Structure formats: structure tokens, C-alpha cells
C-alpha atoms as a PDB file:
ATOM      1  CA  MET A   1      24.251  25.812  60.678  1.00  0.00           C
ATOM      2  CA  ASN A   2      24.419  23.409  63.805  1.00  0.00           C
ATOM      3  CA  ASN A   3      21.713  21.536  65.896  1.00  0.00           C
ATOM      4  CA  VAL A   4      18.743  23.616  63.831  1.00  0.00           C
ATOM      5  CA  VAL A   5      15.222  22.047  63.540  1.00  0.00           C
ATOM      6  CA  GLY A   6      13.321  23.884  60.736  1.00  0.00           C
ATOM      7  CA  LEU A   7       9.749  23.434  61.852  1.00  0.00           C
ATOM      8  CA  LYS A   8       7.433  23.383  58.534  1.00  0.00           C
ATOM      9  CA  VAL A   9       3.731  22.880  58.870  1.00  0.00           C
ATOM     10  CA  ASP A  10       1.750  21.677  55.999  1.00  0.00           C
ATOM     11  CA  VAL A  11      -1.884  22.365  56.176  1.00  0.00           C
ATOM     12  CA  ASP A  12      -3.764  20.319  53.594  1.00  0.00           C
ATOM     13  CA  THR A  13      -7.468  20.573  54.373  1.00  0.00           C
ATOM     14  CA  PHE A  14     -10.085  22.898  55.779  1.00  0.00           C
ATOM     15  CA  ARG A  15     -10.318  21.002  58.871  1.00  0.00           C
ATOM     16  CA  GLY A  16      -6.658  21.085  59.559  1.00  0.00           C
ATOM     17  CA  MET A  17      -6.675  24.739  59.089  1.00  0.00           C
ATOM     18  CA  ARG A  18      -9.785  25.379  61.416  1.00  0.00           C
ATOM     19  CA  GLU A  19      -9.060  22.872  64.236  1.00  0.00           C
ATOM     20  CA  GLY A  20      -5.594  21.579  63.797  1.00  0.00           C
ATOM     21  CA  VAL A  21      -3.698  24.913  63.411  1.00  0.00           C
ATOM     22  CA  PRO A  22      -4.792  26.839  66.326  1.00  0.00           C
ATOM     23  CA  LYS A  23      -3.745  23.748  68.216  1.00  0.00           C
ATOM     24  CA  LEU A  24      -0.187  23.834  66.962  1.00  0.00           C
ATOM     25  CA  LEU A  25      -0.187  27.667  67.624  1.00  0.00           C
ATOM     26  CA  ASP A  26      -0.983  26.970  71.250  1.00  0.00           C
ATOM     27  CA  LEU A  27       1.821  24.462  71.539  1.00  0.00           C
ATOM     28  CA  PHE A  28       4.472  26.543  69.625  1.00  0.00           C
ATOM     29  CA  ALA A  29       3.319  29.511  72.152  1.00  0.00           C
ATOM     30  CA  GLY A  30       3.728  27.307  75.369  1.00  0.00           C
ATOM     31  CA  LEU A  31       7.129  25.565  73.921  1.00  0.00           C
ATOM     32  CA  HIS A  32       8.388  29.140  72.681  1.00  0.00           C
ATOM     33  CA  VAL A  33       9.234  27.928  69.279  1.00  0.00           C
ATOM     34  CA  ARG A  34       8.259  29.550  65.985  1.00  0.00           C
ATOM     35  CA  ALA A  35       7.647  27.735  62.809  1.00  0.00           C
ATOM     36  CA  SER A  36       6.620  28.002  59.056  1.00  0.00           C
ATOM     37  CA  LEU A  37       3.035  27.282  58.002  1.00  0.00           C
ATOM     38  CA  PHE A  38       2.093  26.661  54.632  1.00  0.00           C
ATOM     39  CA  VAL A  39      -1.476  26.982  53.674  1.00  0.00           C
ATOM     40  CA  PRO A  40      -3.405  26.038  50.253  1.00  0.00           C
ATOM     41  CA  MET A  41      -4.891  29.420  48.781  1.00  0.00           C
ATOM     42  CA  GLY A  42      -7.856  27.412  47.202  1.00  0.00           C
ATOM     43  CA  LYS A  43     -10.668  24.926  47.965  1.00  0.00           C
ATOM     44  CA  ASP A  44     -10.329  21.251  49.992  1.00  0.00           C
ATOM     45  CA  HIS A  45     -10.946  18.832  47.715  1.00  0.00           C
ATOM     46  CA  THR A  46      -9.793  16.213  49.884  1.00  0.00           C
ATOM     47  CA  GLY A  47     -12.535  13.411  48.512  1.00  0.00           C
ATOM     48  CA  TRP A  48     -10.761  13.308  45.092  1.00  0.00           C
ATOM     49  CA  THR A  49      -8.175  11.449  47.075  1.00  0.00           C
ATOM     50  CA  ALA A  50     -10.529   8.179  46.835  1.00  0.00           C
ATOM     51  CA  LYS A  51      -8.891   7.459  43.252  1.00  0.00           C
ATOM     52  CA  ARG A  52      -5.635   6.779  44.979  1.00  0.00           C
ATOM     53  CA  VAL A  53      -7.019   3.492  46.238  1.00  0.00           C
ATOM     54  CA  PHE A  54      -6.959   2.218  42.674  1.00  0.00           C
ATOM     55  CA  THR A  55      -3.795   3.985  41.257  1.00  0.00           C
ATOM     56  CA  ARG A  56      -1.043   4.165  44.056  1.00  0.00           C
ATOM     57  CA  PRO A  57       0.426   1.115  45.670  1.00  0.00           C
ATOM     58  CA  GLY A  58       0.658   1.197  49.030  1.00  0.00           C
ATOM     59  CA  PHE A  59      -2.180   3.824  49.678  1.00  0.00           C
ATOM     60  CA  VAL A  60      -4.385   1.429  51.412  1.00  0.00           C
ATOM     61  CA  SER A  61      -1.319   0.108  53.830  1.00  0.00           C
ATOM     62  CA  LYS A  62      -0.504   3.805  54.589  1.00  0.00           C
ATOM     63  CA  ALA A  63      -4.227   4.908  54.964  1.00  0.00           C
ATOM     64  CA  GLN A  64      -4.774   1.876  57.725  1.00  0.00           C
ATOM     65  CA  ARG A  65      -1.692   2.750  59.817  1.00  0.00           C
ATOM     66  CA  VAL A  66      -2.389   6.447  60.218  1.00  0.00           C
ATOM     67  CA  GLY A  67      -6.374   6.111  60.492  1.00  0.00           C
ATOM     68  CA  VAL A  68      -7.945   8.159  57.683  1.00  0.00           C
ATOM     69  CA  LEU A  69     -11.128   8.533  59.259  1.00  0.00           C
ATOM     70  CA  GLU A  70     -10.148   9.590  62.729  1.00  0.00           C
ATOM     71  CA  THR A  71      -7.567  11.854  60.970  1.00  0.00           C
ATOM     72  CA  TYR A  72      -9.556  13.638  58.491  1.00  0.00           C
ATOM     73  CA  GLY A  73     -13.166  12.943  59.556  1.00  0.00           C
ATOM     74  CA  LEU A  74     -16.010  11.944  57.353  1.00  0.00           C
ATOM     75  CA  LYS A  75     -16.982  15.224  56.295  1.00  0.00           C
ATOM     76  CA  THR A  76     -13.445  16.198  54.856  1.00  0.00           C
ATOM     77  CA  LEU A  77     -13.418  12.873  52.959  1.00  0.00           C
ATOM     78  CA  MET A  78     -16.660  14.119  51.335  1.00  0.00           C
ATOM     79  CA  TYR A  79     -15.443  17.417  50.101  1.00  0.00           C
ATOM     80  CA  GLY A  80     -15.157  17.466  46.224  1.00  0.00           C
ATOM     81  CA  LEU A  81     -17.351  14.173  45.985  1.00  0.00           C
ATOM     82  CA  LEU A  82     -20.770  14.988  48.075  1.00  0.00           C
ATOM     83  CA  LEU A  83     -20.052  18.010  49.566  1.00  0.00           C
ATOM     84  CA  PRO A  84     -18.817  21.263  47.892  1.00  0.00           C
ATOM     85  CA  GLY A  85     -15.184  22.064  48.841  1.00  0.00           C
ATOM     86  CA  PRO A  86     -14.788  25.092  51.336  1.00  0.00           C
ATOM     87  CA  GLU A  87     -12.104  27.836  50.617  1.00  0.00           C
ATOM     88  CA  ILE A  88      -9.328  27.122  53.045  1.00  0.00           C
ATOM     89  CA  ALA A  89      -7.476  30.256  53.198  1.00  0.00           C
ATOM     90  CA  LYS A  90     -10.335  33.082  52.257  1.00  0.00           C
ATOM     91  CA  LYS A  91     -12.831  31.373  55.126  1.00  0.00           C
ATOM     92  CA  ASN A  92     -10.032  31.681  58.040  1.00  0.00           C
ATOM     93  CA  GLY A  93      -8.857  35.170  57.694  1.00  0.00           C
ATOM     94  CA  PRO A  94      -8.729  35.844  61.410  1.00  0.00           C
ATOM     95  CA  LEU A  95      -6.431  32.767  61.686  1.00  0.00           C
ATOM     96  CA  ILE A  96      -4.249  33.660  58.933  1.00  0.00           C
ATOM     97  CA  ALA A  97      -3.847  36.911  60.807  1.00  0.00           C
ATOM     98  CA  ARG A  98      -2.800  34.932  64.243  1.00  0.00           C
ATOM     99  CA  ILE A  99      -0.138  33.046  62.244  1.00  0.00           C
ATOM    100  CA  THR A 100       2.029  36.047  61.466  1.00  0.00           C
ATOM    101  CA  GLU A 101       0.707  38.019  64.717  1.00  0.00           C
ATOM    102  CA  GLU A 102       2.510  35.501  66.752  1.00  0.00           C
ATOM    103  CA  GLY A 103       5.853  35.213  64.865  1.00  0.00           C
ATOM    104  CA  HIS A 104       5.409  32.626  62.599  1.00  0.00           C
ATOM    105  CA  GLU A 105       5.894  32.501  58.807  1.00  0.00           C
ATOM    106  CA  LEU A 106       3.182  32.056  56.423  1.00  0.00           C
ATOM    107  CA  GLY A 107       3.929  30.452  52.887  1.00  0.00           C
ATOM    108  CA  ILE A 108       1.821  28.973  50.062  1.00  0.00           C
ATOM    109  CA  HIS A 109       0.808  25.485  50.041  1.00  0.00           C
ATOM    110  CA  GLY A 110      -0.380  25.396  46.447  1.00  0.00           C
ATOM    111  CA  LEU A 111      -4.028  26.231  45.338  1.00  0.00           C
ATOM    112  CA  ASP A 112      -5.817  22.905  45.164  1.00  0.00           C
ATOM    113  CA  HIS A 113      -3.634  20.585  47.129  1.00  0.00           C
ATOM    114  CA  VAL A 114      -5.209  17.274  45.545  1.00  0.00           C
ATOM    115  CA  TRP A 115      -5.506  18.727  41.925  1.00  0.00           C
ATOM    116  CA  TRP A 116      -1.530  19.683  42.169  1.00  0.00           C
ATOM    117  CA  HIS A 117      -0.494  16.821  43.848  1.00  0.00           C
ATOM    118  CA  ASP A 118      -1.945  14.405  41.052  1.00  0.00           C
ATOM    119  CA  HIS A 119      -1.070  16.411  38.175  1.00  0.00           C
ATOM    120  CA  ILE A 120       1.781  18.938  38.388  1.00  0.00           C
ATOM    121  CA  LYS A 121       4.303  16.421  36.804  1.00  0.00           C
ATOM    122  CA  HIS A 122       2.607  16.957  33.683  1.00  0.00           C
ATOM    123  CA  LEU A 123       1.271  20.493  33.441  1.00  0.00           C
ATOM    124  CA  ASP A 124       2.390  22.702  30.925  1.00  0.00           C
ATOM    125  CA  ARG A 125       3.944  26.138  31.368  1.00  0.00           C
ATOM    126  CA  GLU A 126       0.278  27.926  30.797  1.00  0.00           C
ATOM    127  CA  THR A 127      -1.674  25.797  33.419  1.00  0.00           C
ATOM    128  CA  THR A 128       1.138  25.908  35.981  1.00  0.00           C
ATOM    129  CA  GLU A 129       1.418  29.732  35.869  1.00  0.00           C
ATOM    130  CA  GLN A 130      -2.286  30.091  35.884  1.00  0.00           C
ATOM    131  CA  ILE A 131      -2.695  28.200  39.033  1.00  0.00           C
ATOM    132  CA  LEU A 132       0.537  29.847  40.809  1.00  0.00           C
ATOM    133  CA  ARG A 133      -0.801  33.279  39.715  1.00  0.00           C
ATOM    134  CA  LYS A 134      -4.250  32.477  41.235  1.00  0.00           C
ATOM    135  CA  ALA A 135      -2.435  31.380  44.476  1.00  0.00           C
ATOM    136  CA  THR A 136      -0.397  34.534  45.034  1.00  0.00           C
ATOM    137  CA  ASP A 137      -3.077  36.669  44.240  1.00  0.00           C
ATOM    138  CA  THR A 138      -5.211  35.205  47.051  1.00  0.00           C
ATOM    139  CA  TYR A 139      -2.198  35.540  49.236  1.00  0.00           C
ATOM    140  CA  ARG A 140      -1.740  39.250  48.500  1.00  0.00           C
ATOM    141  CA  GLU A 141      -5.565  39.817  48.906  1.00  0.00           C
ATOM    142  CA  ILE A 142      -5.640  38.093  52.209  1.00  0.00           C
ATOM    143  CA  THR A 143      -2.280  39.474  53.787  1.00  0.00           C
ATOM    144  CA  GLY A 144      -1.558  42.473  51.612  1.00  0.00           C
ATOM    145  CA  THR A 145       1.834  41.529  51.299  1.00  0.00           C
ATOM    146  CA  ALA A 146       3.594  39.532  48.481  1.00  0.00           C
ATOM    147  CA  PRO A 147       4.546  35.792  49.263  1.00  0.00           C
ATOM    148  CA  LEU A 148       8.174  34.761  49.651  1.00  0.00           C
ATOM    149  CA  SER A 149       7.871  30.913  50.337  1.00  0.00           C
ATOM    150  CA  PHE A 150       5.899  28.100  48.856  1.00  0.00           C
ATOM    151  CA  ALA A 151       5.729  24.254  49.576  1.00  0.00           C
ATOM    152  CA  ALA A 152       4.898  21.921  46.938  1.00  0.00           C
ATOM    153  CA  PRO A 153       1.826  19.803  47.918  1.00  0.00           C
ATOM    154  CA  GLY A 154       3.160  16.238  48.250  1.00  0.00           C
ATOM    155  CA  TRP A 155       6.448  17.181  47.441  1.00  0.00           C
ATOM    156  CA  MET A 156       5.534  17.354  43.701  1.00  0.00           C
ATOM    157  CA  ILE A 157       7.125  20.224  41.510  1.00  0.00           C
ATOM    158  CA  ASN A 158       7.930  21.092  37.873  1.00  0.00           C
ATOM    159  CA  GLY A 159      10.207  23.249  36.181  1.00  0.00           C
ATOM    160  CA  HIS A 160       7.456  25.692  34.976  1.00  0.00           C
ATOM    161  CA  ALA A 161       6.726  26.206  38.977  1.00  0.00           C
ATOM    162  CA  LEU A 162      10.473  26.847  39.427  1.00  0.00           C
ATOM    163  CA  ALA A 163      10.613  29.448  36.710  1.00  0.00           C
ATOM    164  CA  PHE A 164       7.676  31.252  37.918  1.00  0.00           C
ATOM    165  CA  PHE A 165       9.050  31.468  41.674  1.00  0.00           C
ATOM    166  CA  GLN A 166      12.410  32.929  40.044  1.00  0.00           C
ATOM    167  CA  ARG A 167      10.278  35.546  37.805  1.00  0.00           C
ATOM    168  CA  GLU A 168       8.202  36.549  41.089  1.00  0.00           C
ATOM    169  CA  GLY A 169      10.943  37.016  43.580  1.00  0.00           C
ATOM    170  CA  PHE A 170      10.319  34.229  45.987  1.00  0.00           C
ATOM    171  CA  LEU A 171      13.150  33.913  48.680  1.00  0.00           C
ATOM    172  CA  TYR A 172      13.039  29.843  48.778  1.00  0.00           C
ATOM    173  CA  THR A 173      10.823  27.360  48.266  1.00  0.00           C
ATOM    174  CA  SER A 174      10.668  23.695  49.939  1.00  0.00           C
ATOM    175  CA  ASP A 175       9.259  21.312  47.447  1.00  0.00           C
ATOM    176  CA  VAL A 176      11.392  18.334  47.838  1.00  0.00           C
ATOM    177  CA  ARG A 177      12.887  15.613  49.932  1.00  0.00           C
ATOM    178  CA  GLY A 178      16.807  15.879  50.432  1.00  0.00           C
ATOM    179  CA  SER A 179      19.506  16.431  52.507  1.00  0.00           C
ATOM    180  CA  SER A 180      20.662  20.214  52.822  1.00  0.00           C
ATOM    181  CA  PRO A 181      19.549  23.446  50.990  1.00  0.00           C
ATOM    182  CA  PHE A 182      20.676  23.836  47.389  1.00  0.00           C
ATOM    183  CA  LEU A 183      19.603  25.547  44.037  1.00  0.00           C
ATOM    184  CA  PRO A 184      17.397  23.194  41.962  1.00  0.00           C
ATOM    185  CA  MET A 185      18.245  22.187  38.303  1.00  0.00           C
ATOM    186  CA  MET A 186      15.327  20.363  36.046  1.00  0.00           C
ATOM    187  CA  ALA A 187      15.943  19.715  31.970  1.00  0.00           C
ATOM    188  CA  GLY A 188      19.259  21.094  32.320  1.00  0.00           C
ATOM    189  CA  GLN A 189      18.174  24.484  33.588  1.00  0.00           C
ATOM    190  CA  THR A 190      19.240  25.790  36.922  1.00  0.00           C
ATOM    191  CA  TYR A 191      17.061  28.035  38.854  1.00  0.00           C
ATOM    192  CA  ARG A 192      18.147  30.690  41.489  1.00  0.00           C
ATOM    193  CA  VAL A 193      15.391  30.171  44.099  1.00  0.00           C
ATOM    194  CA  LEU A 194      16.851  28.277  46.956  1.00  0.00           C
ATOM    195  CA  GLN A 195      15.320  24.860  47.884  1.00  0.00           C
ATOM    196  CA  VAL A 196      14.974  24.251  51.376  1.00  0.00           C
ATOM    197  CA  PRO A 197      14.262  20.269  51.449  1.00  0.00           C
ATOM    198  CA  THR A 198      12.342  18.032  54.253  1.00  0.00           C
ATOM    199  CA  THR A 199      15.359  16.113  55.417  1.00  0.00           C
ATOM    200  CA  LEU A 200      13.334  14.154  58.108  1.00  0.00           C
ATOM    201  CA  PRO A 201      10.711  11.478  57.181  1.00  0.00           C
ATOM    202  CA  THR A 202       7.093  12.564  58.123  1.00  0.00           C
ATOM    203  CA  LEU A 203       4.953  11.003  61.023  1.00  0.00           C
ATOM    204  CA  ASP A 204       2.596   9.201  58.678  1.00  0.00           C
ATOM    205  CA  GLU A 205       5.505   7.336  56.724  1.00  0.00           C
ATOM    206  CA  VAL A 206       6.905   5.858  59.885  1.00  0.00           C
ATOM    207  CA  VAL A 207       3.644   5.514  61.914  1.00  0.00           C
ATOM    208  CA  GLY A 208       3.277   1.620  62.710  1.00  0.00           C
ATOM    209  CA  LEU A 209       6.704   1.019  61.168  1.00  0.00           C
ATOM    210  CA  GLU A 210       9.037   2.763  63.649  1.00  0.00           C
ATOM    211  CA  GLY A 211       6.694   2.998  66.824  1.00  0.00           C
ATOM    212  CA  ARG A 212       2.927   3.021  67.600  1.00  0.00           C
ATOM    213  CA  THR A 213       2.894   5.357  70.507  1.00  0.00           C
ATOM    214  CA  GLN A 214       3.397   8.878  70.878  1.00  0.00           C
ATOM    215  CA  ASP A 215       6.581   8.423  73.011  1.00  0.00           C
ATOM    216  CA  GLU A 216       8.075   5.779  70.768  1.00  0.00           C
ATOM    217  CA  LEU A 217       7.788   7.858  67.876  1.00  0.00           C
ATOM    218  CA  ALA A 218       9.177  11.082  69.368  1.00  0.00           C
ATOM    219  CA  GLY A 219      12.078   8.775  70.315  1.00  0.00           C
ATOM    220  CA  TYR A 220      12.535   7.681  66.725  1.00  0.00           C
ATOM    221  CA  PHE A 221      12.364  11.234  65.253  1.00  0.00           C
ATOM    222  CA  VAL A 222      14.907  12.489  68.103  1.00  0.00           C
ATOM    223  CA  LYS A 223      17.675   9.989  67.436  1.00  0.00           C
ATOM    224  CA  SER A 224      17.213  10.798  63.547  1.00  0.00           C
ATOM    225  CA  LEU A 225      18.332  14.236  64.086  1.00  0.00           C
ATOM    226  CA  THR A 226      21.724  15.269  62.721  1.00  0.00           C
ATOM    227  CA  GLU A 227      24.155  18.090  64.080  1.00  0.00           C
ATOM    228  CA  GLY A 228      23.585  19.865  61.011  1.00  0.00           C
ATOM    229  CA  LEU A 229      20.267  21.456  59.321  1.00  0.00           C
ATOM    230  CA  ASN A 230      17.242  19.411  59.816  1.00  0.00           C
ATOM    231  CA  ILE A 231      13.907  19.988  58.271  1.00  0.00           C
ATOM    232  CA  LEU A 232      10.685  18.357  59.784  1.00  0.00           C
ATOM    233  CA  THR A 233       7.531  18.709  58.082  1.00  0.00           C
ATOM    234  CA  VAL A 234       4.313  18.037  60.041  1.00  0.00           C
ATOM    235  CA  HIS A 235       0.567  18.196  59.124  1.00  0.00           C
ATOM    236  CA  ALA A 236      -2.062  20.099  60.787  1.00  0.00           C
ATOM    237  CA  GLU A 237      -4.292  16.913  60.307  1.00  0.00           C
ATOM    238  CA  LEU A 238      -2.026  14.722  62.361  1.00  0.00           C
ATOM    239  CA  GLU A 239      -0.068  16.610  64.682  1.00  0.00           C
ATOM    240  CA  GLY A 240      -2.498  19.014  65.303  1.00  0.00           C
ATOM    241  CA  ASN A 241      -5.313  16.288  66.006  1.00  0.00           C
ATOM    242  CA  ARG A 242      -4.578  12.760  67.452  1.00  0.00           C
ATOM    243  CA  TRP A 243      -0.587  13.149  67.460  1.00  0.00           C
ATOM    244  CA  THR A 244      -0.130  16.639  69.211  1.00  0.00           C
ATOM    245  CA  GLY A 245       1.481  14.546  72.057  1.00  0.00           C
ATOM    246  CA  PHE A 246       4.177  13.327  69.890  1.00  0.00           C
ATOM    247  CA  LEU A 247       4.951  16.771  68.475  1.00  0.00           C
ATOM    248  CA  GLU A 248       5.404  18.140  71.858  1.00  0.00           C
ATOM    249  CA  ALA A 249       7.337  15.349  73.430  1.00  0.00           C
ATOM    250  CA  PHE A 250       9.871  15.494  70.081  1.00  0.00           C
ATOM    251  CA  ILE A 251      10.163  19.542  70.594  1.00  0.00           C
ATOM    252  CA  GLN A 252      11.042  19.180  74.275  1.00  0.00           C
ATOM    253  CA  ARG A 253      13.448  16.317  73.695  1.00  0.00           C
ATOM    254  CA  ALA A 254      15.039  18.211  70.986  1.00  0.00           C
ATOM    255  CA  LEU A 255      15.262  21.359  73.004  1.00  0.00           C
ATOM    256  CA  ALA A 256      16.932  19.417  76.123  1.00  0.00           C
ATOM    257  CA  LEU A 257      19.610  18.436  73.556  1.00  0.00           C
ATOM    258  CA  GLY A 258      20.471  21.683  72.636  1.00  0.00           C
ATOM    259  CA  PHE A 259      18.636  21.971  69.387  1.00  0.00           C
ATOM    260  CA  ARG A 260      16.849  25.354  68.329  1.00  0.00           C
ATOM    261  CA  PHE A 261      13.810  25.780  65.992  1.00  0.00           C
ATOM    262  CA  GLU A 262      13.813  28.078  63.153  1.00  0.00           C
ATOM    263  CA  ARG A 263      11.594  29.137  60.723  1.00  0.00           C
ATOM    264  CA  LEU A 264      12.490  28.021  57.277  1.00  0.00           C
ATOM    265  CA  ILE A 265      12.490  31.649  55.771  1.00  0.00           C
ATOM    266  CA  ASP A 266      15.229  32.464  58.784  1.00  0.00           C
ATOM    267  CA  VAL A 267      17.240  29.346  57.707  1.00  0.00           C
ATOM    268  CA  ALA A 268      17.067  30.659  53.891  1.00  0.00           C
ATOM    269  CA  ARG A 269      18.299  34.194  54.947  1.00  0.00           C
ATOM    270  CA  LEU A 270      21.306  32.827  56.392  1.00  0.00           C
ATOM    271  CA  MET A 271      22.112  30.872  52.949  1.00  0.00           C
ATOM    272  CA  GLU A 272      24.497  32.241  50.466  1.00  0.00           C
ATOM    273  CA  PRO A 273      23.017  30.720  46.957  1.00  0.00           C
ATOM    274  CA  GLY A 274      26.678  31.521  45.298  1.00  0.00           C
ATOM    275  CA  LYS A 275      28.161  28.916  47.843  1.00  0.00           C
ATOM    276  CA  LEU A 276      25.268  26.295  47.300  1.00  0.00           C
ATOM    277  CA  PRO A 277      25.471  23.082  45.222  1.00  0.00           C
ATOM    278  CA  ALA A 278      23.261  22.691  42.122  1.00  0.00           C
ATOM    279  CA  CYS A 279      21.203  19.549  42.339  1.00  0.00           C
ATOM    280  CA  GLU A 280      19.199  17.913  39.792  1.00  0.00           C
ATOM    281  CA  LEU A 281      15.609  16.995  40.844  1.00  0.00           C
ATOM    282  CA  VAL A 282      14.234  13.470  39.993  1.00  0.00           C
ATOM    283  CA  TYR A 283      10.771  11.984  40.648  1.00  0.00           C
ATOM    284  CA  GLY A 284      11.039   8.768  43.179  1.00  0.00           C
ATOM    285  CA  GLN A 285       9.931   7.022  46.012  1.00  0.00           C
ATOM    286  CA  VAL A 286      10.303   7.722  49.796  1.00  0.00           C
ATOM    287  CA  ARG A 287       9.818   4.852  52.212  1.00  0.00           C
ATOM    288  CA  GLY A 288       6.309   4.633  53.818  1.00  0.00           C
ATOM    289  CA  ARG A 289       4.688   7.118  51.166  1.00  0.00           C
ATOM    290  CA  ALA A 290       2.425   5.865  48.326  1.00  0.00           C
ATOM    291  CA  GLY A 291       3.408   7.634  45.061  1.00  0.00           C
ATOM    292  CA  GLU A 292       6.125   9.666  43.727  1.00  0.00           C
ATOM    293  CA  VAL A 293       7.783  12.776  45.238  1.00  0.00           C
ATOM    294  CA  THR A 294      10.417  14.957  44.030  1.00  0.00           C
ATOM    295  CA  LEU A 295      14.027  14.068  45.400  1.00  0.00           C
ATOM    296  CA  GLN A 296      17.065  16.062  45.524  1.00  0.00           C
ATOM    297  CA  SER A 297      19.661  14.091  43.583  1.00  0.00           C
ATOM    298  CA  PRO A 298      23.615  13.852  44.889  1.00  0.00           C
ATOM    299  CA  SER A 299      25.700  17.233  43.792  1.00  0.00           C
END
């Protein structure tokens, strides 16, 4: 699969859903590209991330580079602390419908984004499955269809979740950072649900390091594209807010170079799992991001 960019949009917050997603959908319509959008099926508890100041080296540095207050807004930073967290998917039914009506893919981005990100590594099978069952039930309640895709919050996953996706008939998941699609292995177990990893860095990881202006950063990401399959994760809170100009410039330049943009589910449907390598999943670091992520190890 040559000169392809899979455009993956992670929605992390209620504000990102309510304000960022419509802006991104307008952008995609104007540029005639389709994307895969992953939405949390539970509440916004962004305020719980405050503890990361004390537990994650590099968190403050990244927050300063990105501009947390400008990106998320004060109200979002109070959800789970001084304000009750609003339901992200259930309170945005018409917007959920718009996503699929305009030809984009709708997948699940966990239940509670912050709680999953901070705890999934150590969760037992029962708790993991309870969370995923509630998320999939909510997806069915809102859309009337069964989910086929999942993207792990913060690129953090465990083997219990992989077993759940396999048992429930998911077509693919996008839970890790890596180089190319593969079948995931954990603790000696190989799972048959395709992994489509994020292959490029994210904007928040390189802003201030590889450029500061929208134009500089668009140029950096275009130069990072390979001739094969590229998966770019963007965030509704960033590219759907202050950094829309970056994403627009990136898409326009990539299209001019002959790249085409595909939904991840269309990428997955072209894959033949029997011909893909099985790769171990490991926890590790990526440049510019505080805390661990799940990585694709070399096959």
C-alpha cells in the first residue's frame, strides 16, 4: 500500500467533541478527504490529569509547549475535580450521526479516557472487560450498530483487551505506536485482530521541537511521510482548535505530492492477516510524550 495516509482523529474531551470535531469535519469536506474518528463512550474527567504533574517526568514541559489552557479551556480542566464530567458521546448524538453520514468512520476511544490511560496496564481481566462491555454497549445504543474498531487512549493496552476484541469480532484496533500493520502478541499469546499502529509522531510531541509555526510543522510532517502506509493521529482538541491551519496545510501538501487519504477501516479491509507478521507489544517511551505508550517490537 503506497503513498497512503490513514487519518486518525482521537477525541479526548467533551469540548473537543463539541467544538473541535465540527471544525475538522468542515475541513475534511472542503478537502474531500475521509478520516476515522475515535470517541470516548463515557464521561470527560480531564481534571484527573492534574496528578500527572507529580507522576510523569516531562509532563510539565510538554504542557508548556502545547499550551494546556488555550488547548483545553479552564472548564475542561475542572471536569472531575470541581465540575461533574459530561458524557462525551451520549450528549452529542447529532454530531455522532454527522460523522458517519459524511462518510467517516466512527470507532471507540475507550470509556473514560483519563482513567483508562492511567490504569489499563495493571487492570485484571474482569475490570478490563467491564469497561469495554460498557463502551461497546453505549456505542450500540447510540448508533444501532456493532463497533468494529477501537483506539486505545494514550496508546495503552493490555492482553485482556486484545482478547475481548478478538472474541467480539472487531475488524481491527489501533492501540500502539509502530511502523506497519501486524498481529499483536502479549505474554506469548498471539491475537487475530489486526493492529494498525500510529506510525508518525503527533503534533503535541513535536511542537516547539521541530517547529513553532503551523507552516513549519506542516513541512516537518510532510517530510516525515514514507512511500508506504502512514498513520497520523490528530486530536480534536489541537487540530480542531488552534492548530487547524497546520492540518489543512499538511493535507494540501500531501495531496499535491500524490498521497491519498484513507479511513483506517478501509486500510484494514485490504490487509490479509495470514500474511502479516506477529509482533510483541512492549511498554516504552516515545520522544516528546510524557509517560509510557505501547510499542510494536520488531518482528
